[in-house]
Amino acid sequence: IDQAASRKLVELRKQKRTETDKKKISQIDRLIRMLESQF
């Protein structure tokens, strides 16, 4: 799970840099916070 979460964080942060839709950016931020949380 930790390894998969690390790979997914890299993908999401890269996606966020090119995303312009505010709603999608908010969704990405929510997932990043969840992936950074051990729980």
Full PDB file with SEQRES, HELIX, SHEET, SSBOND, CRYST1, ORIGX, SCALE, CONECT and MASTER records, all heavy atoms in Angstrom:
SEQRES   1 A   39  ILE ASP GLN ALA ALA SER ARG LYS LEU VAL GLU LEU ARG          
SEQRES   2 A   39  LYS GLN LYS ARG THR GLU THR ASP LYS LYS LYS ILE SER          
SEQRES   3 A   39  GLN ILE ASP ARG LEU ILE ARG MET LEU GLU SER GLN PHE          
HELIX    1 AA1 ASP A    2  THR A   18  1                                  17    
HELIX    2 AA2 LYS A   22  GLU A   36  1                                  15    
CRYST1    1.000    1.000    1.000  90.00  90.00  90.00 P 1           1          
ORIGX1      1.000000  0.000000  0.000000        0.00000                         
ORIGX2      0.000000  1.000000  0.000000        0.00000                         
ORIGX3      0.000000  0.000000  1.000000        0.00000                         
SCALE1      1.000000  0.000000  0.000000        0.00000                         
SCALE2      0.000000  1.000000  0.000000        0.00000                         
SCALE3      0.000000  0.000000  1.000000        0.00000                         
ATOM      1  N   ILE A   1       0.834  -1.202   0.000  1.00  0.00           N  
ATOM      2  CA  ILE A   1       0.000   0.000   0.000  1.00  0.00           C  
ATOM      3  C   ILE A   1       0.867   1.251   0.000  1.00  0.00           C  
ATOM      4  O   ILE A   1       0.601   2.217  -0.736  1.00  0.00           O  
ATOM      5  CB  ILE A   1      -0.946  -0.006   1.225  1.00  0.00           C  
ATOM      6  CG1 ILE A   1      -1.982  -1.120   1.105  1.00  0.00           C  
ATOM      7  CG2 ILE A   1      -1.636   1.351   1.394  1.00  0.00           C  
ATOM      8  CD1 ILE A   1      -2.941  -0.950  -0.052  1.00  0.00           C  
ATOM      9  N   ASP A   2       1.931   1.265   0.805  1.00  0.00           N  
ATOM     10  CA  ASP A   2       2.826   2.435   0.880  1.00  0.00           C  
ATOM     11  C   ASP A   2       3.489   2.696  -0.467  1.00  0.00           C  
ATOM     12  O   ASP A   2       3.583   3.855  -0.918  1.00  0.00           O  
ATOM     13  CB  ASP A   2       3.903   2.207   1.949  1.00  0.00           C  
ATOM     14  CG  ASP A   2       3.305   2.209   3.357  1.00  0.00           C  
ATOM     15  OD1 ASP A   2       2.185   2.743   3.517  1.00  0.00           O  
ATOM     16  OD2 ASP A   2       3.936   1.651   4.268  1.00  0.00           O  
ATOM     17  N   GLN A   3       3.957   1.630  -1.105  1.00  0.00           N  
ATOM     18  CA  GLN A   3       4.613   1.784  -2.406  1.00  0.00           C  
ATOM     19  C   GLN A   3       3.634   2.300  -3.460  1.00  0.00           C  
ATOM     20  O   GLN A   3       3.967   3.200  -4.252  1.00  0.00           O  
ATOM     21  CB  GLN A   3       5.198   0.441  -2.852  1.00  0.00           C  
ATOM     22  CG  GLN A   3       6.384  -0.005  -2.012  1.00  0.00           C  
ATOM     23  CD  GLN A   3       6.848  -1.404  -2.382  1.00  0.00           C  
ATOM     24  OE1 GLN A   3       6.234  -2.084  -3.209  1.00  0.00           O  
ATOM     25  NE2 GLN A   3       7.945  -1.851  -1.755  1.00  0.00           N  
ATOM     26  N   ALA A   4       2.413   1.730  -3.473  1.00  0.00           N  
ATOM     27  CA  ALA A   4       1.407   2.167  -4.440  1.00  0.00           C  
ATOM     28  C   ALA A   4       1.012   3.613  -4.196  1.00  0.00           C  
ATOM     29  O   ALA A   4       0.809   4.389  -5.143  1.00  0.00           O  
ATOM     30  CB  ALA A   4       0.181   1.261  -4.357  1.00  0.00           C  
ATOM     31  N   ALA A   5       0.891   3.996  -2.917  1.00  0.00           N  
ATOM     32  CA  ALA A   5       0.524   5.371  -2.576  1.00  0.00           C  
ATOM     33  C   ALA A   5       1.599   6.349  -3.041  1.00  0.00           C  
ATOM     34  O   ALA A   5       1.299   7.440  -3.547  1.00  0.00           O  
ATOM     35  CB  ALA A   5       0.309   5.490  -1.069  1.00  0.00           C  
ATOM     36  N   SER A   6       2.868   5.982  -2.898  1.00  0.00           N  
ATOM     37  CA  SER A   6       3.975   6.854  -3.338  1.00  0.00           C  
ATOM     38  C   SER A   6       3.926   7.079  -4.846  1.00  0.00           C  
ATOM     39  O   SER A   6       4.094   8.206  -5.319  1.00  0.00           O  
ATOM     40  CB  SER A   6       5.325   6.225  -2.949  1.00  0.00           C  
ATOM     41  OG  SER A   6       5.417   6.112  -1.543  1.00  0.00           O  
ATOM     42  N   ARG A   7       3.683   5.993  -5.585  1.00  0.00           N  
ATOM     43  CA  ARG A   7       3.603   6.124  -7.041  1.00  0.00           C  
ATOM     44  C   ARG A   7       2.410   6.988  -7.455  1.00  0.00           C  
ATOM     45  O   ARG A   7       2.518   7.828  -8.358  1.00  0.00           O  
ATOM     46  CB  ARG A   7       3.471   4.730  -7.688  1.00  0.00           C  
ATOM     47  CG  ARG A   7       4.728   3.891  -7.586  1.00  0.00           C  
ATOM     48  CD  ARG A   7       4.632   2.674  -8.512  1.00  0.00           C  
ATOM     49  NE  ARG A   7       3.556   1.781  -8.118  1.00  0.00           N  
ATOM     50  CZ  ARG A   7       3.677   0.775  -7.257  1.00  0.00           C  
ATOM     51  NH1 ARG A   7       4.864   0.542  -6.669  1.00  0.00           N  
ATOM     52  NH2 ARG A   7       2.645   0.014  -6.973  1.00  0.00           N  
ATOM     53  N   LYS A   8       1.308   6.819  -6.768  1.00  0.00           N  
ATOM     54  CA  LYS A   8       0.102   7.565  -7.111  1.00  0.00           C  
ATOM     55  C   LYS A   8       0.267   9.048  -6.768  1.00  0.00           C  
ATOM     56  O   LYS A   8      -0.232   9.927  -7.485  1.00  0.00           O  
ATOM     57  CB  LYS A   8      -1.105   6.977  -6.385  1.00  0.00           C  
ATOM     58  CG  LYS A   8      -2.448   7.540  -6.817  1.00  0.00           C  
ATOM     59  CD  LYS A   8      -2.691   7.394  -8.305  1.00  0.00           C  
ATOM     60  CE  LYS A   8      -2.799   5.951  -8.726  1.00  0.00           C  
ATOM     61  NZ  LYS A   8      -3.111   5.831 -10.191  1.00  0.00           N  
ATOM     62  N   LEU A   9       0.986   9.361  -5.664  1.00  0.00           N  
ATOM     63  CA  LEU A   9       1.237  10.758  -5.299  1.00  0.00           C  
ATOM     64  C   LEU A   9       2.022  11.473  -6.394  1.00  0.00           C  
ATOM     65  O   LEU A   9       1.736  12.633  -6.731  1.00  0.00           O  
ATOM     66  CB  LEU A   9       1.998  10.826  -3.967  1.00  0.00           C  
ATOM     67  CG  LEU A   9       1.147  10.688  -2.701  1.00  0.00           C  
ATOM     68  CD1 LEU A   9       2.034  10.491  -1.483  1.00  0.00           C  
ATOM     69  CD2 LEU A   9       0.248  11.910  -2.522  1.00  0.00           C  
ATOM     70  N   VAL A  10       3.016  10.794  -6.946  1.00  0.00           N  
ATOM     71  CA  VAL A  10       3.808  11.384  -8.034  1.00  0.00           C  
ATOM     72  C   VAL A  10       2.904  11.691  -9.226  1.00  0.00           C  
ATOM     73  O   VAL A  10       2.986  12.773  -9.819  1.00  0.00           O  
ATOM     74  CB  VAL A  10       4.941  10.421  -8.445  1.00  0.00           C  
ATOM     75  CG1 VAL A  10       5.652  10.939  -9.694  1.00  0.00           C  
ATOM     76  CG2 VAL A  10       5.931  10.244  -7.306  1.00  0.00           C  
ATOM     77  N   GLU A  11       2.028  10.764  -9.580  1.00  0.00           N  
ATOM     78  CA  GLU A  11       1.117  10.946 -10.718  1.00  0.00           C  
ATOM     79  C   GLU A  11       0.163  12.117 -10.490  1.00  0.00           C  
ATOM     80  O   GLU A  11      -0.055  12.939 -11.390  1.00  0.00           O  
ATOM     81  CB  GLU A  11       0.312   9.669 -10.949  1.00  0.00           C  
ATOM     82  CG  GLU A  11       1.118   8.491 -11.448  1.00  0.00           C  
ATOM     83  CD  GLU A  11       0.274   7.239 -11.597  1.00  0.00           C  
ATOM     84  OE1 GLU A  11      -0.982   7.369 -11.611  1.00  0.00           O  
ATOM     85  OE2 GLU A  11       0.840   6.136 -11.659  1.00  0.00           O  
ATOM     86  N   LEU A  12      -0.407  12.187  -9.282  1.00  0.00           N  
ATOM     87  CA  LEU A  12      -1.394  13.227  -8.984  1.00  0.00           C  
ATOM     88  C   LEU A  12      -0.754  14.619  -8.965  1.00  0.00           C  
ATOM     89  O   LEU A  12      -1.356  15.601  -9.439  1.00  0.00           O  
ATOM     90  CB  LEU A  12      -2.078  12.942  -7.651  1.00  0.00           C  
ATOM     91  CG  LEU A  12      -3.058  11.755  -7.637  1.00  0.00           C  
ATOM     92  CD1 LEU A  12      -3.551  11.486  -6.227  1.00  0.00           C  
ATOM     93  CD2 LEU A  12      -4.244  12.037  -8.551  1.00  0.00           C  
ATOM     94  N   ARG A  13       0.451  14.735  -8.389  1.00  0.00           N  
ATOM     95  CA  ARG A  13       1.119  16.046  -8.334  1.00  0.00           C  
ATOM     96  C   ARG A  13       1.479  16.526  -9.744  1.00  0.00           C  
ATOM     97  O   ARG A  13       1.382  17.712 -10.058  1.00  0.00           O  
ATOM     98  CB  ARG A  13       2.375  15.959  -7.462  1.00  0.00           C  
ATOM     99  CG  ARG A  13       2.037  15.903  -5.963  1.00  0.00           C  
ATOM    100  CD  ARG A  13       3.205  15.470  -5.120  1.00  0.00           C  
ATOM    101  NE  ARG A  13       2.833  15.426  -3.693  1.00  0.00           N  
ATOM    102  CZ  ARG A  13       3.455  14.663  -2.796  1.00  0.00           C  
ATOM    103  NH1 ARG A  13       4.475  13.883  -3.169  1.00  0.00           N  
ATOM    104  NH2 ARG A  13       3.058  14.682  -1.544  1.00  0.00           N  
ATOM    105  N   LYS A  14       1.873  15.582 -10.588  1.00  0.00           N  
ATOM    106  CA  LYS A  14       2.171  15.923 -11.987  1.00  0.00           C  
ATOM    107  C   LYS A  14       0.893  16.352 -12.707  1.00  0.00           C  
ATOM    108  O   LYS A  14       0.895  17.329 -13.481  1.00  0.00           O  
ATOM    109  CB  LYS A  14       2.784  14.703 -12.670  1.00  0.00           C  
ATOM    110  CG  LYS A  14       3.224  14.967 -14.097  1.00  0.00           C  
ATOM    111  CD  LYS A  14       3.882  13.726 -14.687  1.00  0.00           C  
ATOM    112  CE  LYS A  14       4.287  13.981 -16.122  1.00  0.00           C  
ATOM    113  NZ  LYS A  14       4.929  12.766 -16.729  1.00  0.00           N  
ATOM    114  N   GLN A  15      -0.198  15.638 -12.450  1.00  0.00           N  
ATOM    115  CA  GLN A  15      -1.482  15.965 -13.079  1.00  0.00           C  
ATOM    116  C   GLN A  15      -1.984  17.324 -12.628  1.00  0.00           C  
ATOM    117  O   GLN A  15      -2.545  18.092 -13.423  1.00  0.00           O  
ATOM    118  CB  GLN A  15      -2.505  14.879 -12.727  1.00  0.00           C  
ATOM    119  CG  GLN A  15      -3.876  15.098 -13.353  1.00  0.00           C  
ATOM    120  CD  GLN A  15      -4.878  14.048 -12.906  1.00  0.00           C  
ATOM    121  OE1 GLN A  15      -4.508  13.018 -12.335  1.00  0.00           O  
ATOM    122  NE2 GLN A  15      -6.151  14.313 -13.143  1.00  0.00           N  
ATOM    123  N   LYS A  16      -1.755  17.655 -11.345  1.00  0.00           N  
ATOM    124  CA  LYS A  16      -2.230  18.927 -10.799  1.00  0.00           C  
ATOM    125  C   LYS A  16      -1.558  20.116 -11.475  1.00  0.00           C  
ATOM    126  O   LYS A  16      -2.192  21.170 -11.694  1.00  0.00           O  
ATOM    127  CB  LYS A  16      -1.970  18.958  -9.290  1.00  0.00           C  
ATOM    128  CG  LYS A  16      -2.462  20.241  -8.613  1.00  0.00           C  
ATOM    129  CD  LYS A  16      -2.146  20.232  -7.126  1.00  0.00           C  
ATOM    130  CE  LYS A  16      -2.572  21.547  -6.480  1.00  0.00           C  
ATOM    131  NZ  LYS A  16      -2.264  21.572  -5.034  1.00  0.00           N  
ATOM    132  N   ARG A  17      -0.291  19.973 -11.848  1.00  0.00           N  
ATOM    133  CA  ARG A  17       0.450  21.087 -12.452  1.00  0.00           C  
ATOM    134  C   ARG A  17      -0.111  21.487 -13.812  1.00  0.00           C  
ATOM    135  O   ARG A  17       0.001  22.643 -14.223  1.00  0.00           O  
ATOM    136  CB  ARG A  17       1.931  20.709 -12.590  1.00  0.00           C  
ATOM    137  CG  ARG A  17       2.681  20.684 -11.281  1.00  0.00           C  
ATOM    138  CD  ARG A  17       4.183  20.679 -11.495  1.00  0.00           C  
ATOM    139  NE  ARG A  17       4.659  19.446 -12.096  1.00  0.00           N  
ATOM    140  CZ  ARG A  17       5.029  18.369 -11.395  1.00  0.00           C  
ATOM    141  NH1 ARG A  17       4.983  18.394 -10.060  1.00  0.00           N  
ATOM    142  NH2 ARG A  17       5.464  17.290 -12.011  1.00  0.00           N  
ATOM    143  N   THR A  18      -0.769  20.532 -14.486  1.00  0.00           N  
ATOM    144  CA  THR A  18      -1.300  20.827 -15.828  1.00  0.00           C  
ATOM    145  C   THR A  18      -2.824  21.011 -15.829  1.00  0.00           C  
ATOM    146  O   THR A  18      -3.403  21.362 -16.867  1.00  0.00           O  
ATOM    147  CB  THR A  18      -0.955  19.676 -16.797  1.00  0.00           C  
ATOM    148  OG1 THR A  18      -1.489  18.448 -16.279  1.00  0.00           O  
ATOM    149  CG2 THR A  18       0.563  19.549 -16.952  1.00  0.00           C  
ATOM    150  N   GLU A  19      -3.452  20.797 -14.685  1.00  0.00           N  
ATOM    151  CA  GLU A  19      -4.913  20.880 -14.606  1.00  0.00           C  
ATOM    152  C   GLU A  19      -5.358  22.327 -14.418  1.00  0.00           C  
ATOM    153  O   GLU A  19      -4.749  23.085 -13.662  1.00  0.00           O  
ATOM    154  CB  GLU A  19      -5.426  20.022 -13.446  1.00  0.00           C  
ATOM    155  CG  GLU A  19      -6.929  19.927 -13.340  1.00  0.00           C  
ATOM    156  CD  GLU A  19      -7.554  19.324 -14.585  1.00  0.00           C  
ATOM    157  OE1 GLU A  19      -7.328  18.127 -14.866  1.00  0.00           O  
ATOM    158  OE2 GLU A  19      -8.259  20.081 -15.288  1.00  0.00           O  
ATOM    159  N   THR A  20      -6.422  22.740 -15.100  1.00  0.00           N  
ATOM    160  CA  THR A  20      -6.942  24.106 -14.994  1.00  0.00           C  
ATOM    161  C   THR A  20      -8.333  24.150 -14.366  1.00  0.00           C  
ATOM    162  O   THR A  20      -8.768  25.211 -13.904  1.00  0.00           O  
ATOM    163  CB  THR A  20      -7.008  24.760 -16.393  1.00  0.00           C  
ATOM    164  OG1 THR A  20      -7.816  23.939 -17.249  1.00  0.00           O  
ATOM    165  CG2 THR A  20      -5.612  24.899 -16.987  1.00  0.00           C  
ATOM    166  N   ASP A  21      -9.024  23.025 -14.355  1.00  0.00           N  
ATOM    167  CA  ASP A  21     -10.378  22.959 -13.796  1.00  0.00           C  
ATOM    168  C   ASP A  21     -10.282  22.979 -12.264  1.00  0.00           C  
ATOM    169  O   ASP A  21      -9.678  22.094 -11.641  1.00  0.00           O  
ATOM    170  CB  ASP A  21     -11.071  21.673 -14.275  1.00  0.00           C  
ATOM    171  CG  ASP A  21     -12.542  21.644 -13.880  1.00  0.00           C  
ATOM    172  OD1 ASP A  21     -12.853  21.921 -12.708  1.00  0.00           O  
ATOM    173  OD2 ASP A  21     -13.377  21.317 -14.748  1.00  0.00           O  
ATOM    174  N   LYS A  22     -10.884  24.013 -11.638  1.00  0.00           N  
ATOM    175  CA  LYS A  22     -10.786  24.180 -10.178  1.00  0.00           C  
ATOM    176  C   LYS A  22     -11.410  23.007  -9.420  1.00  0.00           C  
ATOM    177  O   LYS A  22     -10.911  22.592  -8.382  1.00  0.00           O  
ATOM    178  CB  LYS A  22     -11.464  25.491  -9.767  1.00  0.00           C  
ATOM    179  CG  LYS A  22     -10.709  26.725 -10.213  1.00  0.00           C  
ATOM    180  CD  LYS A  22     -11.392  27.992  -9.700  1.00  0.00           C  
ATOM    181  CE  LYS A  22     -10.613  29.240 -10.130  1.00  0.00           C  
ATOM    182  NZ  LYS A  22     -11.267  30.478  -9.646  1.00  0.00           N  
ATOM    183  N   LYS A  23     -12.502  22.507  -9.958  1.00  0.00           N  
ATOM    184  CA  LYS A  23     -13.175  21.392  -9.291  1.00  0.00           C  
ATOM    185  C   LYS A  23     -12.282  20.157  -9.280  1.00  0.00           C  
ATOM    186  O   LYS A  23     -12.178  19.451  -8.261  1.00  0.00           O  
ATOM    187  CB  LYS A  23     -14.498  21.087 -10.007  1.00  0.00           C  
ATOM    188  CG  LYS A  23     -15.375  20.090  -9.281  1.00  0.00           C  
ATOM    189  CD  LYS A  23     -16.718  19.937  -9.982  1.00  0.00           C  
ATOM    190  CE  LYS A  23     -17.596  18.949  -9.227  1.00  0.00           C  
ATOM    191  NZ  LYS A  23     -18.919  18.774  -9.899  1.00  0.00           N  
ATOM    192  N   LYS A  24     -11.633  19.885 -10.409  1.00  0.00           N  
ATOM    193  CA  LYS A  24     -10.744  18.729 -10.493  1.00  0.00           C  
ATOM    194  C   LYS A  24      -9.497  18.926  -9.626  1.00  0.00           C  
ATOM    195  O   LYS A  24      -8.992  17.980  -9.021  1.00  0.00           O  
ATOM    196  CB  LYS A  24     -10.348  18.478 -11.938  1.00  0.00           C  
ATOM    197  CG  LYS A  24     -11.492  17.932 -12.791  1.00  0.00           C  
ATOM    198  CD  LYS A  24     -11.021  17.598 -14.188  1.00  0.00           C  
ATOM    199  CE  LYS A  24     -12.174  17.013 -15.012  1.00  0.00           C  
ATOM    200  NZ  LYS A  24     -11.752  16.687 -16.400  1.00  0.00           N  
ATOM    201  N   ILE A  25      -9.005  20.168  -9.560  1.00  0.00           N  
ATOM    202  CA  ILE A  25      -7.839  20.458  -8.706  1.00  0.00           C  
ATOM    203  C   ILE A  25      -8.184  20.192  -7.245  1.00  0.00           C  
ATOM    204  O   ILE A  25      -7.386  19.614  -6.491  1.00  0.00           O  
ATOM    205  CB  ILE A  25      -7.370  21.921  -8.897  1.00  0.00           C  
ATOM    206  CG1 ILE A  25      -6.774  22.097 -10.296  1.00  0.00           C  
ATOM    207  CG2 ILE A  25      -6.340  22.308  -7.835  1.00  0.00           C  
ATOM    208  CD1 ILE A  25      -6.430  23.533 -10.652  1.00  0.00           C  
ATOM    209  N   SER A  26      -9.384  20.601  -6.849  1.00  0.00           N  
ATOM    210  CA  SER A  26      -9.842  20.372  -5.469  1.00  0.00           C  
ATOM    211  C   SER A  26      -9.921  18.874  -5.173  1.00  0.00           C  
ATOM    212  O   SER A  26      -9.546  18.425  -4.090  1.00  0.00           O  
ATOM    213  CB  SER A  26     -11.202  21.029  -5.269  1.00  0.00           C  
ATOM    214  OG  SER A  26     -11.706  20.749  -3.985  1.00  0.00           O  
ATOM    215  N   GLN A  27     -10.396  18.109  -6.141  1.00  0.00           N  
ATOM    216  CA  GLN A  27     -10.506  16.657  -5.979  1.00  0.00           C  
ATOM    217  C   GLN A  27      -9.117  16.037  -5.859  1.00  0.00           C  
ATOM    218  O   GLN A  27      -8.890  15.140  -5.036  1.00  0.00           O  
ATOM    219  CB  GLN A  27     -11.268  16.064  -7.170  1.00  0.00           C  
ATOM    220  CG  GLN A  27     -11.386  14.551  -7.167  1.00  0.00           C  
ATOM    221  CD  GLN A  27     -12.263  14.031  -6.044  1.00  0.00           C  
ATOM    222  OE1 GLN A  27     -12.900  14.806  -5.332  1.00  0.00           O  
ATOM    223  NE2 GLN A  27     -12.284  12.717  -5.881  1.00  0.00           N  
ATOM    224  N   ILE A  28      -8.165  16.510  -6.675  1.00  0.00           N  
ATOM    225  CA  ILE A  28      -6.788  16.003  -6.615  1.00  0.00           C  
ATOM    226  C   ILE A  28      -6.178  16.292  -5.255  1.00  0.00           C  
ATOM    227  O   ILE A  28      -5.504  15.444  -4.646  1.00  0.00           O  
ATOM    228  CB  ILE A  28      -5.933  16.608  -7.747  1.00  0.00           C  
ATOM    229  CG1 ILE A  28      -6.404  16.066  -9.108  1.00  0.00           C  
ATOM    230  CG2 ILE A  28      -4.444  16.297  -7.541  1.00  0.00           C  
ATOM    231  CD1 ILE A  28      -5.760  16.764 -10.299  1.00  0.00           C  
ATOM    232  N   ASP A  29      -6.391  17.526  -4.748  1.00  0.00           N  
ATOM    233  CA  ASP A  29      -5.852  17.903  -3.431  1.00  0.00           C  
ATOM    234  C   ASP A  29      -6.405  16.990  -2.334  1.00  0.00           C  
ATOM    235  O   ASP A  29      -5.676  16.588  -1.416  1.00  0.00           O  
ATOM    236  CB  ASP A  29      -6.205  19.365  -3.114  1.00  0.00           C  
ATOM    237  CG  ASP A  29      -5.356  20.343  -3.925  1.00  0.00           C  
ATOM    238  OD1 ASP A  29      -4.276  19.929  -4.383  1.00  0.00           O  
ATOM    239  OD2 ASP A  29      -5.796  21.501  -4.103  1.00  0.00           O  
ATOM    240  N   ARG A  30      -7.688  16.674  -2.425  1.00  0.00           N  
ATOM    241  CA  ARG A  30      -8.301  15.798  -1.415  1.00  0.00           C  
ATOM    242  C   ARG A  30      -7.643  14.415  -1.431  1.00  0.00           C  
ATOM    243  O   ARG A  30      -7.343  13.847  -0.368  1.00  0.00           O  
ATOM    244  CB  ARG A  30      -9.801  15.674  -1.693  1.00  0.00           C  
ATOM    245  CG  ARG A  30     -10.567  14.852  -0.659  1.00  0.00           C  
ATOM    246  CD  ARG A  30     -12.034  14.740  -1.025  1.00  0.00           C  
ATOM    247  NE  ARG A  30     -12.236  13.911  -2.200  1.00  0.00           N  
ATOM    248  CZ  ARG A  30     -12.295  12.575  -2.174  1.00  0.00           C  
ATOM    249  NH1 ARG A  30     -12.132  11.918  -1.033  1.00  0.00           N  
ATOM    250  NH2 ARG A  30     -12.481  11.894  -3.278  1.00  0.00           N  
ATOM    251  N   LEU A  31      -7.409  13.881  -2.633  1.00  0.00           N  
ATOM    252  CA  LEU A  31      -6.792  12.558  -2.744  1.00  0.00           C  
ATOM    253  C   LEU A  31      -5.339  12.580  -2.266  1.00  0.00           C  
ATOM    254  O   LEU A  31      -4.866  11.626  -1.639  1.00  0.00           O  
ATOM    255  CB  LEU A  31      -6.859  12.075  -4.201  1.00  0.00           C  
ATOM    256  CG  LEU A  31      -8.250  11.699  -4.714  1.00  0.00           C  
ATOM    257  CD1 LEU A  31      -8.215  11.446  -6.215  1.00  0.00           C  
ATOM    258  CD2 LEU A  31      -8.791  10.466  -3.982  1.00  0.00           C  
ATOM    259  N   ILE A  32      -4.627  13.679  -2.558  1.00  0.00           N  
ATOM    260  CA  ILE A  32      -3.233  13.808  -2.097  1.00  0.00           C  
ATOM    261  C   ILE A  32      -3.175  13.781  -0.571  1.00  0.00           C  
ATOM    262  O   ILE A  32      -2.331  13.097   0.030  1.00  0.00           O  
ATOM    263  CB  ILE A  32      -2.585  15.094  -2.654  1.00  0.00           C  
ATOM    264  CG1 ILE A  32      -2.337  14.936  -4.166  1.00  0.00           C  
ATOM    265  CG2 ILE A  32      -1.278  15.412  -1.925  1.00  0.00           C  
ATOM    266  CD1 ILE A  32      -1.841  16.211  -4.842  1.00  0.00           C  
ATOM    267  N   ARG A  33      -4.090  14.514   0.063  1.00  0.00           N  
ATOM    268  CA  ARG A  33      -4.113  14.536   1.536  1.00  0.00           C  
ATOM    269  C   ARG A  33      -4.381  13.135   2.097  1.00  0.00           C  
ATOM    270  O   ARG A  33      -3.786  12.730   3.091  1.00  0.00           O  
ATOM    271  CB  ARG A  33      -5.184  15.519   2.032  1.00  0.00           C  
ATOM    272  CG  ARG A  33      -4.799  16.984   1.839  1.00  0.00           C  
ATOM    273  CD  ARG A  33      -5.718  17.896   2.640  1.00  0.00           C  
ATOM    274  NE  ARG A  33      -7.112  17.770   2.239  1.00  0.00           N  
ATOM    275  CZ  ARG A  33      -7.688  18.470   1.261  1.00  0.00           C  
ATOM    276  NH1 ARG A  33      -6.956  19.352   0.563  1.00  0.00           N  
ATOM    277  NH2 ARG A  33      -8.954  18.327   0.985  1.00  0.00           N  
ATOM    278  N   MET A  34      -5.301  12.420   1.457  1.00  0.00           N  
ATOM    279  CA  MET A  34      -5.626  11.064   1.917  1.00  0.00           C  
ATOM    280  C   MET A  34      -4.432  10.121   1.739  1.00  0.00           C  
ATOM    281  O   MET A  34      -4.146   9.290   2.607  1.00  0.00           O  
ATOM    282  CB  MET A  34      -6.840  10.518   1.159  1.00  0.00           C  
ATOM    283  CG  MET A  34      -8.146  11.211   1.503  1.00  0.00           C  
ATOM    284  SD  MET A  34      -9.541  10.531   0.560  1.00  0.00           S  
ATOM    285  CE  MET A  34      -9.704   8.911   1.312  1.00  0.00           C  
ATOM    286  N   LEU A  35      -3.735  10.265   0.597  1.00  0.00           N  
ATOM    287  CA  LEU A  35      -2.583   9.393   0.334  1.00  0.00           C  
ATOM    288  C   LEU A  35      -1.411   9.698   1.252  1.00  0.00           C  
ATOM    289  O   LEU A  35      -0.578   8.824   1.533  1.00  0.00           O  
ATOM    290  CB  LEU A  35      -2.149   9.534  -1.128  1.00  0.00           C  
ATOM    291  CG  LEU A  35      -3.093   8.916  -2.165  1.00  0.00           C  
ATOM    292  CD1 LEU A  35      -2.719   9.366  -3.563  1.00  0.00           C  
ATOM    293  CD2 LEU A  35      -3.056   7.384  -2.083  1.00  0.00           C  
ATOM    294  N   GLU A  36      -1.321  10.945   1.740  1.00  0.00           N  
ATOM    295  CA  GLU A  36      -0.252  11.318   2.671  1.00  0.00           C  
ATOM    296  C   GLU A  36      -0.563  10.860   4.090  1.00  0.00           C  
ATOM    297  O   GLU A  36       0.341  10.809   4.937  1.00  0.00           O  
ATOM    298  CB  GLU A  36      -0.042  12.830   2.639  1.00  0.00           C  
ATOM    299  CG  GLU A  36       0.582  13.319   1.337  1.00  0.00           C  
ATOM    300  CD  GLU A  36       0.643  14.830   1.246  1.00  0.00           C  
ATOM    301  OE1 GLU A  36      -0.136  15.499   1.967  1.00  0.00           O  
ATOM    302  OE2 GLU A  36       1.465  15.350   0.454  1.00  0.00           O  
ATOM    303  N   SER A  37      -1.840  10.526   4.343  1.00  0.00           N  
ATOM    304  CA  SER A  37      -2.255  10.072   5.678  1.00  0.00           C  
ATOM    305  C   SER A  37      -2.072   8.568   5.796  1.00  0.00           C  
ATOM    306  O   SER A  37      -2.534   7.804   4.954  1.00  0.00           O  
ATOM    307  CB  SER A  37      -3.727  10.435   5.922  1.00  0.00           C  
ATOM    308  OG  SER A  37      -4.222   9.754   7.059  1.00  0.00           O  
ATOM    309  N   GLN A  38      -1.384   8.132   6.862  1.00  0.00           N  
ATOM    310  CA  GLN A  38      -1.163   6.699   7.062  1.00  0.00           C  
ATOM    311  C   GLN A  38      -2.481   5.945   7.250  1.00  0.00           C  
ATOM    312  O   GLN A  38      -2.577   4.775   6.920  1.00  0.00           O  
ATOM    313  CB  GLN A  38      -0.257   6.499   8.290  1.00  0.00           C  
ATOM    314  CG  GLN A  38       0.277   5.096   8.448  1.00  0.00           C  
ATOM    315  CD  GLN A  38       1.188   4.676   7.297  1.00  0.00           C  
ATOM    316  OE1 GLN A  38       1.837   5.496   6.655  1.00  0.00           O  
ATOM    317  NE2 GLN A  38       1.226   3.371   7.009  1.00  0.00           N  
ATOM    318  N   PHE A  39      -3.496   6.641   7.756  1.00  0.00           N  
ATOM    319  CA  PHE A  39      -4.768   5.987   8.056  1.00  0.00           C  
ATOM    320  C   PHE A  39      -5.713   5.944   6.844  1.00  0.00           C  
ATOM    321  O   PHE A  39      -6.638   5.132   6.802  1.00  0.00           O  
ATOM    322  CB  PHE A  39      -5.471   6.724   9.209  1.00  0.00           C  
ATOM    323  CG  PHE A  39      -4.684   6.708  10.477  1.00  0.00           C  
ATOM    324  CD1 PHE A  39      -4.001   7.847  10.889  1.00  0.00           C  
ATOM    325  CD2 PHE A  39      -4.599   5.558  11.252  1.00  0.00           C  
ATOM    326  CE1 PHE A  39      -3.266   7.835  12.065  1.00  0.00           C  
ATOM    327  CE2 PHE A  39      -3.858   5.550  12.420  1.00  0.00           C  
ATOM    328  CZ  PHE A  39      -3.193   6.687  12.840  1.00  0.00           C  
TER     329      PHE A  39                                                      
MASTER        0    0    0    2    0    0    0    6  328    1    0    3          
END                                                                             
